C-alpha cells in the first residue's frame, strides 16, 4: 500500500469524508487485491454520506441508472462541477 494511501485511510478512519473519497477513487482505479473494488464502493458511500461531492460523483458511476441520477444530483448540490 502506498504511503499516501495509508495516510488517506487513517484520515478516513477519523471521519474525513474527502479522504474516504480519495482512497475510494484510488482503489477503484488501482485495485491491489481481491475485495478492493468492494472496499472502494464502501469508502465512496461513506464519503457521500459525509457530504463529499467527489464521493457522491464517483459512487454514482457504480450504481444503476435511477440511483446514479440521485447521486449525481447530490454531487451537484454539494458543489461538484
Protein backbone atom coordinates (compact mmCIF):
# COMPACT_ATOMS: atom_id res chain seq x y z
CA UNK A 1 0.00 0.00 0.00
CA UNK A 2 1.49 3.35 -0.99
CA UNK A 3 2.29 5.67 1.88
CA UNK A 4 -0.18 8.32 0.76
CA UNK A 5 -2.94 5.73 0.70
CA UNK A 6 -2.11 4.79 4.28
CA UNK A 7 -2.49 8.44 5.25
CA UNK A 8 -5.84 8.66 3.48
CA UNK A 9 -7.03 5.51 5.25
CA UNK A 10 -6.10 6.98 8.65
CA UNK A 11 -7.78 10.30 7.91
CA UNK A 12 -10.89 8.48 6.67
CA UNK A 13 -10.98 6.41 9.84
CA UNK A 14 -11.01 9.67 11.80
CA UNK A 15 -14.00 10.94 9.83
CA UNK A 16 -12.52 12.98 6.98
CA UNK A 17 -15.02 12.32 4.19
CA UNK A 18 -12.81 13.70 1.42
CA UNK A 19 -10.02 11.32 2.41
CA UNK A 20 -12.52 8.45 2.17
CA UNK A 21 -13.44 9.63 -1.32
CA UNK A 22 -9.83 9.90 -2.44
CA UNK A 23 -8.99 6.46 -1.06
CA UNK A 24 -12.09 5.05 -2.77
CA UNK A 25 -11.13 6.62 -6.10
CA UNK A 26 -7.62 5.19 -5.80
CA UNK A 27 -8.90 1.69 -5.04
CA UNK A 28 -11.42 1.89 -7.88
CA UNK A 29 -8.74 2.73 -10.42
CA UNK A 30 -5.87 0.71 -8.89
CA UNK A 31 -7.24 -2.38 -7.14
CA UNK A 32 -4.33 -4.21 -5.48
CA UNK A 33 -6.06 -7.28 -4.07
CA UNK A 34 -9.36 -9.09 -4.06
CA UNK A 35 -12.00 -7.06 -2.28
CA UNK A 36 -10.54 -3.65 -3.11
CA UNK A 37 -13.35 -2.82 -5.53
CA UNK A 38 -15.98 -3.58 -2.88
CA UNK A 39 -13.99 -1.60 -0.32
CA UNK A 40 -13.84 1.30 -2.75
CA UNK A 41 -17.64 1.37 -3.04
CA UNK A 42 -17.94 1.31 0.75
CA UNK A 43 -15.48 4.20 1.05
CA UNK A 44 -17.27 6.22 -1.63
CA UNK A 45 -20.59 5.64 0.16
CA UNK A 46 -19.03 6.77 3.42
CA UNK A 47 -17.68 9.88 1.70
CA UNK A 48 -21.04 10.68 0.11
CA UNK A 49 -22.78 10.16 3.45
CA UNK A 50 -20.28 12.70 4.82
CA UNK A 51 -21.38 15.23 2.16
CA UNK A 52 -18.34 14.91 -0.07
CA UNK A 53 -19.16 15.78 -3.70
CA UNK A 54 -16.35 13.65 -5.14
CA UNK A 55 -17.56 10.65 -3.16
CA UNK A 56 -21.12 11.03 -4.45
CA UNK A 57 -19.97 11.58 -8.02
CA UNK A 58 -17.70 8.53 -8.11
CA UNK A 59 -20.21 6.38 -6.25
CA UNK A 60 -22.80 7.24 -8.91
CA UNK A 61 -20.63 5.57 -11.53
CA UNK A 62 -21.00 2.26 -9.67
CA UNK A 63 -24.80 2.35 -9.39
CA UNK A 64 -27.86 1.62 -11.54
CA UNK A 65 -29.45 4.43 -13.54
CA UNK A 66 -32.01 5.70 -11.02
CA UNK A 67 -29.66 5.59 -8.03
CA UNK A 68 -26.85 7.08 -10.14
CA UNK A 69 -29.06 10.02 -11.14
CA UNK A 70 -29.85 10.72 -7.49
CA UNK A 71 -26.17 10.58 -6.57
CA UNK A 72 -25.15 12.87 -9.46
CA UNK A 73 -27.83 15.35 -8.33
CA UNK A 74 -26.47 15.19 -4.81
CA UNK A 75 -22.89 15.66 -6.04
CA UNK A 76 -24.00 18.76 -7.95
CA UNK A 77 -25.79 20.16 -4.92
CA UNK A 78 -22.58 19.65 -2.94
CA UNK A 79 -20.55 21.64 -5.47
CA UNK A 80 -19.27 19.11 -7.99
CA UNK A 81 -18.81 20.79 -11.39
